[in-house]
Amino acid sequence: MKTNRKTIVLFALATLLVFLFITDLKSGGRCINLSDTLLAYLNGQTTNNTAILFDIRLPKALAAIFTGAALSVSGAIMQIVFKNPLAGPYVLGISSGASLAVACVTMLAASIGISVYTLGNWTIGLTAIVGTLTVMTAIVALANKLNDSITLLIIGVLFASLANAVICIIQFFSNPDSLKLFVNWSMGSLNTITWAQLQLLVPVSLICLAATLFLSKQLDAMLLGDVYATTLGVNVRRFRNYSILITSILAGLTTAFTGPIGFIGIAVPHLTRGLLDTTKHLYVIPGSILNGAIIILACDIVSQSLKSGYTLPINAMCAIIGAPVVTFVILKGRSRHR
């Protein structure tokens, strides 16, 4: 009976995701008839509507799906690896490591006359991954020595503060144009996503998300501790290395192209466990993928609904819309188990 309920919930989430995806394609300052625009595109006609749909809205909607999925799964993995329910790419400074790496490349390159567009997507993406991988490795090394989730959380906050301090210094010496681009990027945005960036983001994310599904049984075993996982045949050291690599790639690549988004990674795994009423990662991982994509799409739709024509930062929208909902779900789930 429980399995049927989980399947129904996942199916409902998938249906909601499709609905929000279509709604996001329709959202914006210009009303577009999707069927007519798609028919015109298939007939080889180039109009303003086809350009808006396929050059702007479709890449943005796809980026929302993969950004939400990647950050949610990263948070779910980190909460198991660090044995801390508050772990996430943003809280432990992983996203700050990516931000520092991007800041170093973009603003320092601009100071010597190299344009951001000249660097290319691969350069920025790989730089962000190196930044996340560096911070992640340092935190794991400290976690092995401390064995204290609270102290580890404090160290993660200190890592983030240190990275942000260095970023502020770089910003102080940067030229106004590159500074404006970086500030807009740091607020979190899907509006600048291009097909060239999606050609890197989509396949890499799919590979990492698929690899995470294969780790679901090991994640379940790690819930009960390293010793118990070892008795079940889990190579804990190898598992952590895989987790570091997957999380660094997912968090780093999404941060490189959409900016740091802080709410999704920590909250969506809890929301998913509450909705599915399970800790089995065979359900939690796909549920987190769907919930993360749904929240980002919903935030993107709401951020474009202002009559002024402005689009609000996606990072702020995620926190404003999602925090009350997740808090309600978590409190409801805990009261149910009392």
Protein backbone atom coordinates (compact mmCIF):
# COMPACT_ATOMS: atom_id res chain seq x y z
CA MET A 1 0.00 0.00 0.00
CA LYS A 2 2.83 2.38 0.84
CA THR A 3 4.55 1.59 -2.44
CA ASN A 4 1.35 2.46 -4.31
CA ARG A 5 1.16 5.77 -2.47
CA LYS A 6 4.75 6.65 -3.34
CA THR A 7 4.14 5.79 -6.98
CA ILE A 8 1.02 7.94 -7.08
CA VAL A 9 2.86 10.88 -5.49
CA LEU A 10 5.74 10.60 -7.98
CA PHE A 11 3.28 10.41 -10.88
CA ALA A 12 1.44 13.48 -9.56
CA LEU A 13 4.73 15.37 -9.26
CA ALA A 14 5.69 14.42 -12.82
CA THR A 15 2.30 15.64 -14.07
CA LEU A 16 2.69 18.91 -12.18
CA LEU A 17 6.18 19.31 -13.65
CA VAL A 18 4.84 18.99 -17.20
CA PHE A 19 2.08 21.51 -16.46
CA LEU A 20 4.53 24.04 -14.99
CA PHE A 21 6.94 23.52 -17.89
CA ILE A 22 4.20 24.43 -20.39
CA THR A 23 3.08 27.34 -18.21
CA ASP A 24 6.64 28.65 -18.01
CA LEU A 25 6.89 28.60 -21.80
CA LYS A 26 3.75 30.75 -21.95
CA SER A 27 4.85 33.14 -19.20
CA GLY A 28 6.42 36.47 -20.01
CA GLY A 29 5.67 39.90 -21.33
CA ARG A 30 4.43 38.57 -24.67
CA CYS A 31 1.53 36.11 -24.93
CA ILE A 32 2.43 33.17 -27.18
CA ASN A 33 0.18 30.47 -28.58
CA LEU A 34 2.37 27.39 -28.25
CA SER A 35 0.60 25.24 -30.85
CA ASP A 36 0.64 27.96 -33.53
CA THR A 37 4.24 28.89 -32.76
CA LEU A 38 5.37 25.26 -32.85
CA LEU A 39 3.56 24.70 -36.16
CA ALA A 40 5.19 27.78 -37.64
CA TYR A 41 8.61 26.57 -36.48
CA LEU A 42 8.10 23.13 -38.00
CA ASN A 43 7.09 24.77 -41.28
CA GLY A 44 10.36 26.69 -41.31
CA GLN A 45 8.79 30.08 -40.58
CA THR A 46 10.85 32.52 -38.51
CA THR A 47 8.75 34.95 -36.48
CA ASN A 48 9.14 36.96 -33.30
CA ASN A 49 7.18 34.31 -31.43
CA THR A 50 9.39 31.44 -32.61
CA ALA A 51 12.51 33.42 -31.68
CA ILE A 52 11.18 34.18 -28.21
CA LEU A 53 10.04 30.62 -27.60
CA PHE A 54 13.05 28.68 -28.88
CA ASP A 55 15.85 31.15 -28.16
CA ILE A 56 14.75 32.47 -24.76
CA ARG A 57 11.92 30.64 -23.03
CA LEU A 58 12.69 27.03 -23.90
CA PRO A 59 16.37 27.20 -22.82
CA LYS A 60 15.30 28.98 -19.62
CA ALA A 61 12.66 26.37 -18.78
CA LEU A 62 15.07 23.49 -19.42
CA ALA A 63 17.71 25.21 -17.29
CA ALA A 64 15.16 25.56 -14.48
CA ILE A 65 14.44 21.82 -14.56
CA PHE A 66 18.06 20.69 -14.52
CA THR A 67 19.15 23.35 -12.01
CA GLY A 68 16.44 22.33 -9.56
CA ALA A 69 17.17 18.64 -10.05
CA ALA A 70 20.95 19.02 -9.67
CA LEU A 71 20.85 21.18 -6.54
CA SER A 72 18.20 18.99 -4.87
CA VAL A 73 20.13 15.77 -5.44
CA SER A 74 23.35 17.45 -4.30
CA GLY A 75 21.66 18.40 -1.04
CA ALA A 76 20.25 14.91 -0.53
CA ILE A 77 23.69 13.34 -0.98
CA MET A 78 25.45 15.85 1.27
CA GLN A 79 22.96 15.32 4.08
CA ILE A 80 23.87 11.61 4.07
CA VAL A 81 27.62 12.01 3.61
CA PHE A 82 27.96 14.61 6.39
CA LYS A 83 25.20 13.13 8.58
CA ASN A 84 23.68 16.58 8.96
CA PRO A 85 20.09 17.50 8.03
CA LEU A 86 21.18 21.11 7.45
CA ALA A 87 23.86 20.19 4.91
CA GLY A 88 23.56 21.61 1.42
CA PRO A 89 25.70 23.18 -1.30
CA TYR A 90 24.96 26.70 -0.10
CA VAL A 91 25.15 26.15 3.67
CA LEU A 92 28.47 24.28 3.66
CA GLY A 93 30.13 26.78 1.36
CA ILE A 94 30.20 24.60 -1.76
CA SER A 95 28.34 27.17 -3.84
CA SER A 96 30.59 29.90 -2.43
CA GLY A 97 33.60 27.96 -3.68
CA ALA A 98 32.07 27.93 -7.15
CA SER A 99 31.25 31.64 -6.88
CA LEU A 100 34.83 32.45 -5.88
CA ALA A 101 36.19 30.46 -8.80
CA VAL A 102 33.84 32.18 -11.24
CA ALA A 103 34.69 35.59 -9.76
CA CYS A 104 38.41 34.95 -10.16
CA VAL A 105 38.02 33.90 -13.78
CA THR A 106 35.49 36.47 -14.98
CA MET A 107 36.42 39.66 -13.13
CA LEU A 108 40.17 39.11 -13.06
CA ALA A 109 40.10 38.18 -16.74
CA ALA A 110 38.11 41.34 -17.49
CA SER A 111 40.72 43.40 -15.65
CA ILE A 112 43.33 42.32 -18.20
CA GLY A 113 41.04 42.84 -21.16
CA ILE A 114 39.66 39.31 -21.64
CA SER A 115 35.89 39.16 -22.17
CA VAL A 116 33.66 36.68 -20.35
CA TYR A 117 32.35 35.52 -23.72
CA THR A 118 35.90 34.82 -24.90
CA LEU A 119 36.48 32.42 -22.00
CA GLY A 120 33.73 30.05 -23.15
CA ASN A 121 31.27 27.88 -21.30
CA TRP A 122 33.70 25.00 -20.76
CA THR A 123 36.22 27.27 -19.05
CA ILE A 124 33.69 28.81 -16.69
CA GLY A 125 31.97 25.47 -16.02
CA LEU A 126 35.20 23.60 -15.26
CA THR A 127 36.45 26.47 -13.11
CA ALA A 128 33.29 26.35 -10.99
CA ILE A 129 33.59 22.57 -10.63
CA VAL A 130 37.20 22.94 -9.47
CA GLY A 131 36.03 25.52 -6.91
CA THR A 132 33.32 23.24 -5.53
CA LEU A 133 35.61 20.20 -5.58
CA THR A 134 38.30 22.07 -3.63
CA VAL A 135 35.91 23.21 -0.90
CA MET A 136 34.13 19.84 -0.80
CA THR A 137 37.41 17.94 -0.38
CA ALA A 138 38.52 20.25 2.42
CA ILE A 139 35.22 19.86 4.26
CA VAL A 140 35.28 16.06 3.94
CA ALA A 141 38.84 15.99 5.31
CA LEU A 142 37.72 18.06 8.29
CA ALA A 143 34.63 15.91 8.74
CA ASN A 144 36.80 12.81 9.08
CA LYS A 145 38.80 14.48 11.86
CA LEU A 146 36.00 16.26 13.71
CA ASN A 147 33.19 13.70 13.58
CA ASP A 148 30.85 16.45 14.79
CA SER A 149 28.04 17.61 12.52
CA ILE A 150 27.46 20.90 14.35
CA THR A 151 31.11 21.94 14.26
CA LEU A 152 31.25 20.90 10.62
CA LEU A 153 28.29 23.14 9.87
CA ILE A 154 30.05 26.08 11.54
CA ILE A 155 33.18 25.41 9.50
CA GLY A 156 31.08 25.34 6.34
CA VAL A 157 29.66 28.75 7.20
CA LEU A 158 33.20 30.02 7.85
CA PHE A 159 34.29 28.66 4.45
CA ALA A 160 31.42 30.53 2.83
CA SER A 161 32.26 33.74 4.72
CA LEU A 162 35.91 33.50 3.70
CA ALA A 163 35.02 32.93 0.05
CA ASN A 164 32.56 35.84 0.10
CA ALA A 165 35.20 38.09 1.68
CA VAL A 166 37.66 37.31 -1.12
CA ILE A 167 34.90 37.92 -3.67
CA CYS A 168 34.22 41.34 -2.12
CA ILE A 169 37.90 42.24 -2.45
CA ILE A 170 37.91 41.17 -6.10
CA GLN A 171 34.75 43.20 -6.70
CA PHE A 172 36.33 46.27 -5.12
CA PHE A 173 39.13 46.28 -7.68
CA SER A 174 36.98 45.27 -10.68
CA ASN A 175 35.79 47.56 -13.45
CA PRO A 176 32.11 48.64 -13.38
CA ASP A 177 31.01 46.55 -16.37
CA SER A 178 32.32 43.21 -15.10
CA LEU A 179 31.14 44.08 -11.59
CA LYS A 180 27.58 44.64 -12.82
CA LEU A 181 27.58 41.32 -14.68
CA PHE A 182 28.84 39.45 -11.64
CA VAL A 183 26.34 41.07 -9.23
CA ASN A 184 23.45 40.14 -11.54
CA TRP A 185 24.82 36.61 -11.80
CA SER A 186 25.19 36.31 -8.02
CA MET A 187 21.46 36.97 -7.55
CA GLY A 188 20.61 33.83 -9.48
CA SER A 189 19.16 34.11 -12.97
CA LEU A 190 17.89 31.84 -15.71
CA ASN A 191 17.46 34.60 -18.29
CA THR A 192 21.01 34.43 -19.62
CA ILE A 193 21.01 30.68 -20.30
CA THR A 194 21.93 29.78 -23.89
CA TRP A 195 21.72 26.60 -25.92
CA ALA A 196 25.52 26.41 -25.85
CA GLN A 197 25.44 26.24 -22.05
CA LEU A 198 22.65 23.65 -22.11
CA GLN A 199 24.77 21.45 -24.38
CA LEU A 200 27.15 21.15 -21.43
CA LEU A 201 24.67 21.33 -18.54
CA VAL A 202 22.08 18.80 -19.74
CA PRO A 203 24.23 15.75 -20.63
CA VAL A 204 26.57 16.15 -17.66
CA SER A 205 23.62 16.52 -15.27
CA LEU A 206 21.87 13.49 -16.75
CA ILE A 207 24.97 11.34 -16.28
CA CYS A 208 25.45 12.47 -12.67
CA LEU A 209 21.76 12.07 -11.79
CA ALA A 210 21.72 8.57 -13.28
CA ALA A 211 24.86 7.68 -11.31
CA THR A 212 23.13 8.88 -8.14
CA LEU A 213 20.24 6.46 -8.72
CA PHE A 214 22.75 3.59 -8.83
CA LEU A 215 24.02 4.73 -5.42
CA SER A 216 20.56 4.60 -3.81
CA LYS A 217 21.18 1.35 -1.89
CA GLN A 218 24.52 2.62 -0.61
CA LEU A 219 22.88 5.87 0.49
CA ASP A 220 20.30 3.82 2.42
CA ALA A 221 23.07 1.87 4.11
CA MET A 222 24.94 5.05 5.04
CA LEU A 223 21.87 6.27 6.92
CA LEU A 224 22.72 3.73 9.65
CA GLY A 225 26.38 4.72 9.94
CA ASP A 226 29.73 3.81 8.44
CA VAL A 227 30.16 0.61 10.45
CA TYR A 228 26.78 -0.83 9.46
CA ALA A 229 27.33 0.20 5.83
CA THR A 230 30.68 -1.60 5.82
CA THR A 231 29.07 -4.80 7.10
CA LEU A 232 26.67 -4.60 4.16
CA GLY A 233 29.60 -4.52 1.75
CA VAL A 234 29.74 -0.77 1.12
CA ASN A 235 33.19 0.63 0.48
CA VAL A 236 32.71 3.81 2.52
CA ARG A 237 35.83 5.59 1.25
CA ARG A 238 34.97 4.88 -2.39
CA PHE A 239 31.35 5.91 -1.79
CA ARG A 240 32.45 9.25 -0.34
CA ASN A 241 34.81 9.87 -3.24
CA TYR A 242 32.01 9.23 -5.73
CA SER A 243 29.71 11.47 -3.69
CA ILE A 244 32.25 14.29 -3.62
CA LEU A 245 32.75 14.09 -7.37
CA ILE A 246 29.03 13.92 -8.26
CA THR A 247 28.04 16.70 -5.85
CA SER A 248 30.87 18.96 -6.98
CA ILE A 249 29.95 18.55 -10.64
CA LEU A 250 26.22 19.09 -10.11
CA ALA A 251 26.55 22.06 -7.77
CA GLY A 252 29.48 23.63 -9.60
CA LEU A 253 28.05 23.43 -13.10
CA THR A 254 24.64 24.79 -12.15
CA THR A 255 26.19 27.59 -10.11
CA ALA A 256 28.44 28.53 -13.02
CA PHE A 257 25.53 29.13 -15.38
CA THR A 258 22.65 30.23 -13.12
CA GLY A 259 24.41 31.75 -10.12
CA PRO A 260 24.25 30.59 -6.48
CA ILE A 261 20.75 29.44 -5.48
CA GLY A 262 20.69 28.75 -1.77
CA PHE A 263 17.30 27.36 -0.83
CA ILE A 264 16.83 24.31 -3.02
CA GLY A 265 19.68 22.06 -1.89
CA ILE A 266 18.87 22.08 1.82
CA ALA A 267 15.06 22.13 1.76
CA VAL A 268 13.92 19.97 -1.15
CA PRO A 269 15.24 16.65 0.24
CA HIS A 270 13.26 17.27 3.45
CA LEU A 271 10.19 18.21 1.44
CA THR A 272 10.52 15.02 -0.59
CA ARG A 273 10.90 12.77 2.43
CA GLY A 274 7.85 14.39 3.97
CA LEU A 275 5.70 14.00 0.86
CA LEU A 276 6.74 10.40 0.19
CA ASP A 277 6.93 9.46 3.89
CA THR A 278 10.12 7.46 3.32
CA THR A 279 13.90 7.71 3.55
CA LYS A 280 14.57 5.13 0.81
CA HIS A 281 16.63 6.86 -1.82
CA LEU A 282 15.14 4.81 -4.61
CA TYR A 283 12.17 7.16 -4.10
CA VAL A 284 13.89 10.16 -2.50
CA ILE A 285 16.25 10.77 -5.44
CA PRO A 286 13.60 10.86 -8.22
CA GLY A 287 11.28 12.72 -5.86
CA SER A 288 13.97 15.33 -5.19
CA ILE A 289 14.60 15.67 -8.92
CA LEU A 290 10.91 16.35 -9.55
CA ASN A 291 10.40 18.64 -6.55
CA GLY A 292 13.51 20.69 -7.26
CA ALA A 293 12.49 21.20 -10.89
CA ILE A 294 8.93 22.07 -9.86
CA ILE A 295 10.02 24.71 -7.34
CA ILE A 296 12.45 26.41 -9.71
CA LEU A 297 9.85 26.45 -12.50
CA ALA A 298 7.20 27.84 -10.13
CA CYS A 299 9.60 30.53 -8.91
CA ASP A 300 10.48 31.46 -12.49
CA ILE A 301 6.78 31.77 -13.39
CA VAL A 302 6.05 33.98 -10.37
CA SER A 303 9.15 36.11 -10.95
CA GLN A 304 7.86 37.01 -14.42
CA SER A 305 4.31 37.85 -13.34
CA LEU A 306 5.05 41.43 -12.32
CA LYS A 307 3.24 44.00 -14.44
CA SER A 308 6.30 46.26 -14.36
CA GLY A 309 8.09 43.95 -16.75
CA TYR A 310 10.95 43.25 -14.38
CA THR A 311 12.08 39.73 -13.50
CA LEU A 312 12.92 39.14 -9.85
CA PRO A 313 16.09 37.21 -8.84
CA ILE A 314 15.39 33.48 -8.79
CA ASN A 315 17.36 33.02 -5.57
CA ALA A 316 15.08 35.39 -3.65
CA MET A 317 11.94 33.86 -5.16
CA CYS A 318 13.00 30.34 -4.14
CA ALA A 319 13.34 31.37 -0.50
CA ILE A 320 10.17 33.48 -0.37
CA ILE A 321 7.92 30.89 -2.00
CA GLY A 322 9.50 27.65 -0.85
CA ALA A 323 10.50 28.27 2.77
CA PRO A 324 6.94 28.52 4.20
CA VAL A 325 5.78 25.51 2.19
CA VAL A 326 8.66 23.30 3.26
CA THR A 327 8.36 24.42 6.89
CA PHE A 328 4.69 23.44 6.87
CA VAL A 329 5.41 20.04 5.33
CA ILE A 330 8.22 19.27 7.79
CA LEU A 331 6.15 20.28 10.82
CA LYS A 332 3.19 18.29 9.55
CA GLY A 333 5.37 15.23 9.00
CA ARG A 334 6.87 15.42 12.48
CA SER A 335 3.48 15.86 14.15
CA ARG A 336 2.25 12.77 12.26
CA HIS A 337 5.06 10.62 13.72
CA ARG A 338 4.50 11.70 17.34
